[in-house]
Amino acid sequence: MASPVPFLAVGLLGSLVMFAGDMLLYYTPGAYDMGGTLRPYAQIMRDLPEGRVRLGGLLGPVAAFLYVMGFAGLPMLATGEFPWLMWAVAALPAFAS
């Protein structure tokens, strides 16, 4: 039986790439007031360099593929040598907000 660790590592890499893409798309060093609307996001996106937007948008699908590959390791955990890790991974969404 194949080890789930490489799949989980690829999934972790995918989550980091997804975070990097989101930061490229949405991060701004200045403070802004949302005011209950999405207009500040539109202003931030309007002021970003085109290359940054393209790179951030390109990273999304790549990261999603890696992220999904990471989920392939979860069924292996259920029957593999790390059954305790499956329960730990399953419990993690309980801490998400």
PDB file of N, CA and C in Angstrom:
ATOM      1  N   MET A   1       0.842  -1.181   0.000  1.00  0.00           N
ATOM      2  CA  MET A   1       0.000   0.000   0.000  1.00  0.00           C
ATOM      3  C   MET A   1       0.889   1.246   0.000  1.00  0.00           C
ATOM      4  N   ALA A   2       0.518   2.216  -0.788  1.00  0.00           N
ATOM      5  CA  ALA A   2       1.286   3.454  -0.890  1.00  0.00           C
ATOM      6  C   ALA A   2       1.130   4.286   0.377  1.00  0.00           C
ATOM      7  N   SER A   3       2.177   5.017   0.693  1.00  0.00           N
ATOM      8  CA  SER A   3       2.150   5.878   1.877  1.00  0.00           C
ATOM      9  C   SER A   3       1.354   7.148   1.572  1.00  0.00           C
ATOM     10  N   PRO A   4       0.532   7.615   2.514  1.00  0.00           N
ATOM     11  CA  PRO A   4      -0.243   8.832   2.286  1.00  0.00           C
ATOM     12  C   PRO A   4       0.570  10.105   2.472  1.00  0.00           C
ATOM     13  N   VAL A   5       1.766   9.993   3.031  1.00  0.00           N
ATOM     14  CA  VAL A   5       2.548  11.182   3.371  1.00  0.00           C
ATOM     15  C   VAL A   5       2.867  12.042   2.145  1.00  0.00           C
ATOM     16  N   PRO A   6       3.288  11.469   0.998  1.00  0.00           N
ATOM     17  CA  PRO A   6       3.532  12.334  -0.164  1.00  0.00           C
ATOM     18  C   PRO A   6       2.276  13.076  -0.627  1.00  0.00           C
ATOM     19  N   PHE A   7       1.132  12.418  -0.580  1.00  0.00           N
ATOM     20  CA  PHE A   7      -0.108  13.087  -0.975  1.00  0.00           C
ATOM     21  C   PHE A   7      -0.426  14.242  -0.028  1.00  0.00           C
ATOM     22  N   LEU A   8      -0.248  13.999   1.259  1.00  0.00           N
ATOM     23  CA  LEU A   8      -0.520  15.047   2.237  1.00  0.00           C
ATOM     24  C   LEU A   8       0.462  16.206   2.087  1.00  0.00           C
ATOM     25  N   ALA A   9       1.718  15.898   1.756  1.00  0.00           N
ATOM     26  CA  ALA A   9       2.709  16.950   1.545  1.00  0.00           C
ATOM     27  C   ALA A   9       2.353  17.792   0.322  1.00  0.00           C
ATOM     28  N   VAL A  10       1.890  17.153  -0.741  1.00  0.00           N
ATOM     29  CA  VAL A  10       1.467  17.887  -1.937  1.00  0.00           C
ATOM     30  C   VAL A  10       0.259  18.760  -1.614  1.00  0.00           C
ATOM     31  N   GLY A  11      -0.659  18.253  -0.803  1.00  0.00           N
ATOM     32  CA  GLY A  11      -1.811  19.046  -0.389  1.00  0.00           C
ATOM     33  C   GLY A  11      -1.407  20.258   0.423  1.00  0.00           C
ATOM     34  N   LEU A  12      -0.435  20.080   1.308  1.00  0.00           N
ATOM     35  CA  LEU A  12       0.071  21.203   2.096  1.00  0.00           C
ATOM     36  C   LEU A  12       0.734  22.231   1.192  1.00  0.00           C
ATOM     37  N   LEU A  13       1.503  21.761   0.218  1.00  0.00           N
ATOM     38  CA  LEU A  13       2.110  22.675  -0.747  1.00  0.00           C
ATOM     39  C   LEU A  13       1.030  23.437  -1.513  1.00  0.00           C
ATOM     40  N   GLY A  14      -0.042  22.742  -1.895  1.00  0.00           N
ATOM     41  CA  GLY A  14      -1.147  23.392  -2.587  1.00  0.00           C
ATOM     42  C   GLY A  14      -1.792  24.475  -1.753  1.00  0.00           C
ATOM     43  N   SER A  15      -1.938  24.232  -0.460  1.00  0.00           N
ATOM     44  CA  SER A  15      -2.541  25.255   0.397  1.00  0.00           C
ATOM     45  C   SER A  15      -1.630  26.468   0.511  1.00  0.00           C
ATOM     46  N   LEU A  16      -0.325  26.263   0.533  1.00  0.00           N
ATOM     47  CA  LEU A  16       0.606  27.392   0.590  1.00  0.00           C
ATOM     48  C   LEU A  16       0.603  28.183  -0.717  1.00  0.00           C
ATOM     49  N   VAL A  17       0.521  27.480  -1.841  1.00  0.00           N
ATOM     50  CA  VAL A  17       0.439  28.162  -3.139  1.00  0.00           C
ATOM     51  C   VAL A  17      -0.865  28.944  -3.240  1.00  0.00           C
ATOM     52  N   MET A  18      -1.959  28.377  -2.733  1.00  0.00           N
ATOM     53  CA  MET A  18      -3.247  29.075  -2.727  1.00  0.00           C
ATOM     54  C   MET A  18      -3.156  30.349  -1.889  1.00  0.00           C
ATOM     55  N   PHE A  19      -2.511  30.263  -0.740  1.00  0.00           N
ATOM     56  CA  PHE A  19      -2.332  31.434   0.113  1.00  0.00           C
ATOM     57  C   PHE A  19      -1.515  32.503  -0.611  1.00  0.00           C
ATOM     58  N   ALA A  20      -0.444  32.087  -1.291  1.00  0.00           N
ATOM     59  CA  ALA A  20       0.382  33.044  -2.027  1.00  0.00           C
ATOM     60  C   ALA A  20      -0.423  33.717  -3.134  1.00  0.00           C
ATOM     61  N   GLY A  21      -1.237  32.953  -3.852  1.00  0.00           N
ATOM     62  CA  GLY A  21      -2.073  33.539  -4.899  1.00  0.00           C
ATOM     63  C   GLY A  21      -3.082  34.522  -4.346  1.00  0.00           C
ATOM     64  N   ASP A  22      -3.693  34.185  -3.218  1.00  0.00           N
ATOM     65  CA  ASP A  22      -4.646  35.105  -2.594  1.00  0.00           C
ATOM     66  C   ASP A  22      -3.959  36.379  -2.134  1.00  0.00           C
ATOM     67  N   MET A  23      -2.759  36.252  -1.602  1.00  0.00           N
ATOM     68  CA  MET A  23      -2.039  37.451  -1.161  1.00  0.00           C
ATOM     69  C   MET A  23      -1.657  38.328  -2.354  1.00  0.00           C
ATOM     70  N   LEU A  24      -1.303  37.702  -3.465  1.00  0.00           N
ATOM     71  CA  LEU A  24      -1.000  38.492  -4.660  1.00  0.00           C
ATOM     72  C   LEU A  24      -2.233  39.238  -5.151  1.00  0.00           C
ATOM     73  N   LEU A  25      -3.391  38.613  -5.044  1.00  0.00           N
ATOM     74  CA  LEU A  25      -4.611  39.243  -5.542  1.00  0.00           C
ATOM     75  C   LEU A  25      -5.185  40.284  -4.590  1.00  0.00           C
ATOM     76  N   TYR A  26      -5.160  40.020  -3.308  1.00  0.00           N
ATOM     77  CA  TYR A  26      -5.939  40.844  -2.381  1.00  0.00           C
ATOM     78  C   TYR A  26      -5.136  41.641  -1.373  1.00  0.00           C
ATOM     79  N   TYR A  27      -3.855  41.359  -1.200  1.00  0.00           N
ATOM     80  CA  TYR A  27      -3.109  42.054  -0.157  1.00  0.00           C
ATOM     81  C   TYR A  27      -2.846  43.503  -0.547  1.00  0.00           C
ATOM     82  N   THR A  28      -3.033  44.372   0.404  1.00  0.00           N
ATOM     83  CA  THR A  28      -2.647  45.767   0.244  1.00  0.00           C
ATOM     84  C   THR A  28      -2.024  46.218   1.557  1.00  0.00           C
ATOM     85  N   PRO A  29      -0.924  46.947   1.502  1.00  0.00           N
ATOM     86  CA  PRO A  29      -0.268  47.351   2.748  1.00  0.00           C
ATOM     87  C   PRO A  29      -1.020  48.454   3.494  1.00  0.00           C
ATOM     88  N   GLY A  30      -1.878  49.168   2.813  1.00  0.00           N
ATOM     89  CA  GLY A  30      -2.601  50.263   3.453  1.00  0.00           C
ATOM     90  C   GLY A  30      -3.868  49.793   4.141  1.00  0.00           C
ATOM     91  N   ALA A  31      -4.318  50.587   5.098  1.00  0.00           N
ATOM     92  CA  ALA A  31      -5.585  50.294   5.773  1.00  0.00           C
ATOM     93  C   ALA A  31      -6.728  50.849   4.928  1.00  0.00           C
ATOM     94  N   TYR A  32      -7.844  50.172   4.954  1.00  0.00           N
ATOM     95  CA  TYR A  32      -9.015  50.643   4.224  1.00  0.00           C
ATOM     96  C   TYR A  32     -10.258  50.282   5.012  1.00  0.00           C
ATOM     97  N   ASP A  33     -11.296  51.039   4.814  1.00  0.00           N
ATOM     98  CA  ASP A  33     -12.558  50.816   5.513  1.00  0.00           C
ATOM     99  C   ASP A  33     -13.529  50.164   4.543  1.00  0.00           C
ATOM    100  N   MET A  34     -14.043  48.983   4.917  1.00  0.00           N
ATOM    101  CA  MET A  34     -14.977  48.280   4.034  1.00  0.00           C
ATOM    102  C   MET A  34     -16.293  49.030   3.912  1.00  0.00           C
ATOM    103  N   GLY A  35     -16.790  49.590   4.980  1.00  0.00           N
ATOM    104  CA  GLY A  35     -18.033  50.351   4.920  1.00  0.00           C
ATOM    105  C   GLY A  35     -19.240  49.522   4.503  1.00  0.00           C
ATOM    106  N   GLY A  36     -19.182  48.201   4.646  1.00  0.00           N
ATOM    107  CA  GLY A  36     -20.320  47.358   4.302  1.00  0.00           C
ATOM    108  C   GLY A  36     -20.483  47.106   2.816  1.00  0.00           C
ATOM    109  N   THR A  37     -19.518  47.495   2.003  1.00  0.00           N
ATOM    110  CA  THR A  37     -19.614  47.279   0.558  1.00  0.00           C
ATOM    111  C   THR A  37     -18.363  46.574   0.056  1.00  0.00           C
ATOM    112  N   LEU A  38     -18.388  46.213  -1.212  1.00  0.00           N
ATOM    113  CA  LEU A  38     -17.219  45.605  -1.844  1.00  0.00           C
ATOM    114  C   LEU A  38     -16.411  46.615  -2.645  1.00  0.00           C
ATOM    115  N   ARG A  39     -16.779  47.865  -2.588  1.00  0.00           N
ATOM    116  CA  ARG A  39     -16.066  48.891  -3.358  1.00  0.00           C
ATOM    117  C   ARG A  39     -14.575  48.972  -3.034  1.00  0.00           C
ATOM    118  N   PRO A  40     -14.166  48.852  -1.755  1.00  0.00           N
ATOM    119  CA  PRO A  40     -12.716  48.890  -1.504  1.00  0.00           C
ATOM    120  C   PRO A  40     -11.962  47.776  -2.223  1.00  0.00           C
ATOM    121  N   TYR A  41     -12.552  46.583  -2.326  1.00  0.00           N
ATOM    122  CA  TYR A  41     -11.899  45.509  -3.078  1.00  0.00           C
ATOM    123  C   TYR A  41     -11.729  45.897  -4.543  1.00  0.00           C
ATOM    124  N   ALA A  42     -12.747  46.497  -5.111  1.00  0.00           N
ATOM    125  CA  ALA A  42     -12.665  46.927  -6.510  1.00  0.00           C
ATOM    126  C   ALA A  42     -11.567  47.965  -6.686  1.00  0.00           C
ATOM    127  N   GLN A  43     -11.437  48.871  -5.731  1.00  0.00           N
ATOM    128  CA  GLN A  43     -10.393  49.892  -5.815  1.00  0.00           C
ATOM    129  C   GLN A  43      -9.008  49.258  -5.701  1.00  0.00           C
ATOM    130  N   ILE A  44      -8.862  48.306  -4.786  1.00  0.00           N
ATOM    131  CA  ILE A  44      -7.571  47.627  -4.627  1.00  0.00           C
ATOM    132  C   ILE A  44      -7.211  46.891  -5.911  1.00  0.00           C
ATOM    133  N   MET A  45      -8.159  46.159  -6.474  1.00  0.00           N
ATOM    134  CA  MET A  45      -7.893  45.404  -7.696  1.00  0.00           C
ATOM    135  C   MET A  45      -7.578  46.324  -8.870  1.00  0.00           C
ATOM    136  N   ARG A  46      -8.213  47.472  -8.915  1.00  0.00           N
ATOM    137  CA  ARG A  46      -7.992  48.423 -10.000  1.00  0.00           C
ATOM    138  C   ARG A  46      -6.575  48.983  -9.966  1.00  0.00           C
ATOM    139  N   ASP A  47      -6.015  49.116  -8.775  1.00  0.00           N
ATOM    140  CA  ASP A  47      -4.697  49.730  -8.639  1.00  0.00           C
ATOM    141  C   ASP A  47      -3.538  48.739  -8.718  1.00  0.00           C
ATOM    142  N   LEU A  48      -3.827  47.444  -8.796  1.00  0.00           N
ATOM    143  CA  LEU A  48      -2.759  46.445  -8.842  1.00  0.00           C
ATOM    144  C   LEU A  48      -2.126  46.378 -10.226  1.00  0.00           C
ATOM    145  N   PRO A  49      -0.817  46.076 -10.284  1.00  0.00           N
ATOM    146  CA  PRO A  49      -0.182  45.863 -11.588  1.00  0.00           C
ATOM    147  C   PRO A  49      -0.769  44.631 -12.282  1.00  0.00           C
ATOM    148  N   GLU A  50      -0.833  44.694 -13.594  1.00  0.00           N
ATOM    149  CA  GLU A  50      -1.443  43.608 -14.367  1.00  0.00           C
ATOM    150  C   GLU A  50      -0.721  42.279 -14.161  1.00  0.00           C
ATOM    151  N   GLY A  51       0.597  42.303 -14.097  1.00  0.00           N
ATOM    152  CA  GLY A  51       1.357  41.071 -13.908  1.00  0.00           C
ATOM    153  C   GLY A  51       1.053  40.391 -12.589  1.00  0.00           C
ATOM    154  N   ARG A  52       0.849  41.196 -11.554  1.00  0.00           N
ATOM    155  CA  ARG A  52       0.522  40.637 -10.236  1.00  0.00           C
ATOM    156  C   ARG A  52      -0.845  39.959 -10.254  1.00  0.00           C
ATOM    157  N   VAL A  53      -1.797  40.574 -10.930  1.00  0.00           N
ATOM    158  CA  VAL A  53      -3.141  39.993 -11.022  1.00  0.00           C
ATOM    159  C   VAL A  53      -3.108  38.700 -11.833  1.00  0.00           C
ATOM    160  N   ARG A  54      -2.371  38.713 -12.933  1.00  0.00           N
ATOM    161  CA  ARG A  54      -2.281  37.509 -13.764  1.00  0.00           C
ATOM    162  C   ARG A  54      -1.612  36.356 -13.015  1.00  0.00           C
ATOM    163  N   LEU A  55      -0.521  36.661 -12.301  1.00  0.00           N
ATOM    164  CA  LEU A  55       0.172  35.614 -11.553  1.00  0.00           C
ATOM    165  C   LEU A  55      -0.708  35.077 -10.427  1.00  0.00           C
ATOM    166  N   GLY A  56      -1.387  35.968  -9.719  1.00  0.00           N
ATOM    167  CA  GLY A  56      -2.292  35.530  -8.660  1.00  0.00           C
ATOM    168  C   GLY A  56      -3.420  34.669  -9.195  1.00  0.00           C
ATOM    169  N   GLY A  57      -3.956  35.036 -10.355  1.00  0.00           N
ATOM    170  CA  GLY A  57      -5.015  34.246 -10.975  1.00  0.00           C
ATOM    171  C   GLY A  57      -4.515  32.918 -11.521  1.00  0.00           C
ATOM    172  N   LEU A  58      -3.279  32.882 -11.968  1.00  0.00           N
ATOM    173  CA  LEU A  58      -2.696  31.644 -12.487  1.00  0.00           C
ATOM    174  C   LEU A  58      -2.418  30.645 -11.370  1.00  0.00           C
ATOM    175  N   LEU A  59      -2.041  31.144 -10.213  1.00  0.00           N
ATOM    176  CA  LEU A  59      -1.723  30.247  -9.105  1.00  0.00           C
ATOM    177  C   LEU A  59      -2.954  29.522  -8.565  1.00  0.00           C
ATOM    178  N   GLY A  60      -4.131  30.108  -8.716  1.00  0.00           N
ATOM    179  CA  GLY A  60      -5.354  29.506  -8.182  1.00  0.00           C
ATOM    180  C   GLY A  60      -5.630  28.103  -8.705  1.00  0.00           C
ATOM    181  N   PRO A  61      -5.733  27.906 -10.018  1.00  0.00           N
ATOM    182  CA  PRO A  61      -6.001  26.553 -10.535  1.00  0.00           C
ATOM    183  C   PRO A  61      -4.872  25.561 -10.246  1.00  0.00           C
ATOM    184  N   VAL A  62      -3.632  26.035 -10.294  1.00  0.00           N
ATOM    185  CA  VAL A  62      -2.505  25.149  -9.977  1.00  0.00           C
ATOM    186  C   VAL A  62      -2.601  24.689  -8.526  1.00  0.00           C
ATOM    187  N   ALA A  63      -2.872  25.640  -7.637  1.00  0.00           N
ATOM    188  CA  ALA A  63      -2.987  25.313  -6.217  1.00  0.00           C
ATOM    189  C   ALA A  63      -4.175  24.396  -5.957  1.00  0.00           C
ATOM    190  N   ALA A  64      -5.272  24.626  -6.649  1.00  0.00           N
ATOM    191  CA  ALA A  64      -6.457  23.786  -6.449  1.00  0.00           C
ATOM    192  C   ALA A  64      -6.162  22.335  -6.829  1.00  0.00           C
ATOM    193  N   PHE A  65      -5.422  22.135  -7.913  1.00  0.00           N
ATOM    194  CA  PHE A  65      -5.057  20.775  -8.315  1.00  0.00           C
ATOM    195  C   PHE A  65      -4.206  20.099  -7.239  1.00  0.00           C
ATOM    196  N   LEU A  66      -3.204  20.816  -6.738  1.00  0.00           N
ATOM    197  CA  LEU A  66      -2.349  20.255  -5.690  1.00  0.00           C
ATOM    198  C   LEU A  66      -3.145  19.981  -4.413  1.00  0.00           C
ATOM    199  N   TYR A  67      -4.052  20.885  -4.112  1.00  0.00           N
ATOM    200  CA  TYR A  67      -4.897  20.768  -2.925  1.00  0.00           C
ATOM    201  C   TYR A  67      -5.752  19.501  -2.996  1.00  0.00           C
ATOM    202  N   VAL A  68      -6.343  19.258  -4.164  1.00  0.00           N
ATOM    203  CA  VAL A  68      -7.174  18.063  -4.352  1.00  0.00           C
ATOM    204  C   VAL A  68      -6.316  16.800  -4.279  1.00  0.00           C
ATOM    205  N   MET A  69      -5.105  16.862  -4.799  1.00  0.00           N
ATOM    206  CA  MET A  69      -4.206  15.705  -4.696  1.00  0.00           C
ATOM    207  C   MET A  69      -3.930  15.366  -3.235  1.00  0.00           C
ATOM    208  N   GLY A  70      -3.888  16.376  -2.389  1.00  0.00           N
ATOM    209  CA  GLY A  70      -3.678  16.133  -0.971  1.00  0.00           C
ATOM    210  C   GLY A  70      -4.805  15.350  -0.344  1.00  0.00           C
ATOM    211  N   PHE A  71      -6.023  15.570  -0.826  1.00  0.00           N
ATOM    212  CA  PHE A  71      -7.164  14.833  -0.292  1.00  0.00           C
ATOM    213  C   PHE A  71      -7.111  13.352  -0.651  1.00  0.00           C
ATOM    214  N   ALA A  72      -6.341  12.989  -1.659  1.00  0.00           N
ATOM    215  CA  ALA A  72      -6.210  11.573  -2.019  1.00  0.00           C
ATOM    216  C   ALA A  72      -5.535  10.783  -0.908  1.00  0.00           C
ATOM    217  N   GLY A  73      -4.779  11.453  -0.069  1.00  0.00           N
ATOM    218  CA  GLY A  73      -4.114  10.765   1.031  1.00  0.00           C
ATOM    219  C   GLY A  73      -5.030  10.430   2.188  1.00  0.00           C
ATOM    220  N   LEU A  74      -6.170  11.097   2.292  1.00  0.00           N
ATOM    221  CA  LEU A  74      -7.061  10.860   3.433  1.00  0.00           C
ATOM    222  C   LEU A  74      -7.635   9.443   3.485  1.00  0.00           C
ATOM    223  N   PRO A  75      -8.132   8.883   2.375  1.00  0.00           N
ATOM    224  CA  PRO A  75      -8.606   7.487   2.464  1.00  0.00           C
ATOM    225  C   PRO A  75      -7.491   6.508   2.812  1.00  0.00           C
ATOM    226  N   MET A  76      -6.272   6.829   2.403  1.00  0.00           N
ATOM    227  CA  MET A  76      -5.149   5.954   2.742  1.00  0.00           C
ATOM    228  C   MET A  76      -4.884   5.959   4.246  1.00  0.00           C
ATOM    229  N   LEU A  77      -5.136   7.091   4.879  1.00  0.00           N
ATOM    230  CA  LEU A  77      -4.939   7.169   6.326  1.00  0.00           C
ATOM    231  C   LEU A  77      -5.901   6.263   7.075  1.00  0.00           C
ATOM    232  N   ALA A  78      -7.092   6.099   6.526  1.00  0.00           N
ATOM    233  CA  ALA A  78      -8.120   5.309   7.211  1.00  0.00           C
ATOM    234  C   ALA A  78      -7.720   3.847   7.334  1.00  0.00           C
ATOM    235  N   THR A  79      -6.955   3.360   6.378  1.00  0.00           N
ATOM    236  CA  THR A  79      -6.583   1.950   6.398  1.00  0.00           C
ATOM    237  C   THR A  79      -5.087   1.742   6.522  1.00  0.00           C
ATOM    238  N   GLY A  80      -4.326   2.807   6.544  1.00  0.00           N
ATOM    239  CA  GLY A  80      -2.870   2.685   6.554  1.00  0.00           C
ATOM    240  C   GLY A  80      -2.284   2.600   7.947  1.00  0.00           C
ATOM    241  N   GLU A  81      -1.044   3.031   8.023  1.00  0.00           N
ATOM    242  CA  GLU A  81      -0.303   2.919   9.276  1.00  0.00           C
ATOM    243  C   GLU A  81      -0.516   4.107  10.207  1.00  0.00           C
ATOM    244  N   PHE A  82      -1.294   5.106   9.785  1.00  0.00           N
ATOM    245  CA  PHE A  82      -1.516   6.297  10.599  1.00  0.00           C
ATOM    246  C   PHE A  82      -3.002   6.542  10.869  1.00  0.00           C
ATOM    247  N   PRO A  83      -3.737   5.626  11.460  1.00  0.00           N
ATOM    248  CA  PRO A  83      -5.174   5.871  11.661  1.00  0.00           C
ATOM    249  C   PRO A  83      -5.455   7.037  12.603  1.00  0.00           C
ATOM    250  N   TRP A  84      -4.576   7.308  13.548  1.00  0.00           N
ATOM    251  CA  TRP A  84      -4.774   8.433  14.469  1.00  0.00           C
ATOM    252  C   TRP A  84      -4.711   9.766  13.734  1.00  0.00           C
ATOM    253  N   LEU A  85      -3.886   9.815  12.669  1.00  0.00           N
ATOM    254  CA  LEU A  85      -3.751  11.057  11.914  1.00  0.00           C
ATOM    255  C   LEU A  85      -5.029  11.372  11.148  1.00  0.00           C
ATOM    256  N   MET A  86      -5.753  10.341  10.696  1.00  0.00           N
ATOM    257  CA  MET A  86      -7.028  10.574  10.015  1.00  0.00           C
ATOM    258  C   MET A  86      -7.993  11.299  10.944  1.00  0.00           C
ATOM    259  N   TRP A  87      -8.062  10.875  12.193  1.00  0.00           N
ATOM    260  CA  TRP A  87      -8.975  11.523  13.142  1.00  0.00           C
ATOM    261  C   TRP A  87      -8.527  12.951  13.437  1.00  0.00           C
ATOM    262  N   ALA A  88      -7.231  13.174  13.491  1.00  0.00           N
ATOM    263  CA  ALA A  88      -6.730  14.532  13.729  1.00  0.00           C
ATOM    264  C   ALA A  88      -7.088  15.448  12.564  1.00  0.00           C
ATOM    265  N   VAL A  89      -6.925  14.957  11.338  1.00  0.00           N
ATOM    266  CA  VAL A  89      -7.265  15.755  10.156  1.00  0.00           C
ATOM    267  C   VAL A  89      -8.765  15.995  10.092  1.00  0.00           C
ATOM    268  N   ALA A  90      -9.553  14.997  10.434  1.00  0.00           N
ATOM    269  CA  ALA A  90     -11.010  15.152  10.414  1.00  0.00           C
ATOM    270  C   ALA A  90     -11.476  16.140  11.474  1.00  0.00           C
ATOM    271  N   ALA A  91     -10.739  16.270  12.574  1.00  0.00           N
ATOM    272  CA  ALA A  91     -11.133  17.190  13.648  1.00  0.00           C
ATOM    273  C   ALA A  91     -10.733  18.632  13.361  1.00  0.00           C
ATOM    274  N   LEU A  92      -9.806  18.853  12.462  1.00  0.00           N
ATOM    275  CA  LEU A  92      -9.333  20.214  12.184  1.00  0.00           C
ATOM    276  C   LEU A  92     -10.433  21.182  11.759  1.00  0.00           C
ATOM    277  N   PRO A  93     -11.408  20.785  10.927  1.00  0.00           N
ATOM    278  CA  PRO A  93     -12.459  21.746  10.561  1.00  0.00           C
ATOM    279  C   PRO A  93     -13.271  22.250  11.752  1.00  0.00           C
ATOM    280  N   ALA A  94     -13.242  21.536  12.856  1.00  0.00           N
ATOM    281  CA  ALA A  94     -13.965  22.002  14.043  1.00  0.00           C
ATOM    282  C   ALA A  94     -13.368  23.295  14.581  1.00  0.00           C
ATOM    283  N   PHE A  95     -12.101  23.547  14.263  1.00  0.00           N
ATOM    284  CA  PHE A  95     -11.438  24.754  14.744  1.00  0.00           C
ATOM    285  C   PHE A  95     -11.476  25.886  13.727  1.00  0.00           C
ATOM    286  N   ALA A  96     -11.988  25.633  12.542  1.00  0.00           N
ATOM    287  CA  ALA A  96     -12.063  26.670  11.507  1.00  0.00           C
ATOM    288  C   ALA A  96     -13.218  27.611  11.804  1.00  0.00           C
ATOM    289  N   SER A  97     -12.998  28.857  11.485  1.00  0.00           N
ATOM    290  CA  SER A  97     -14.087  29.822  11.708  1.00  0.00           C
ATOM    291  C   SER A  97     -14.391  30.585  10.447  1.00  0.00           C
TER     292      SER A  97
END
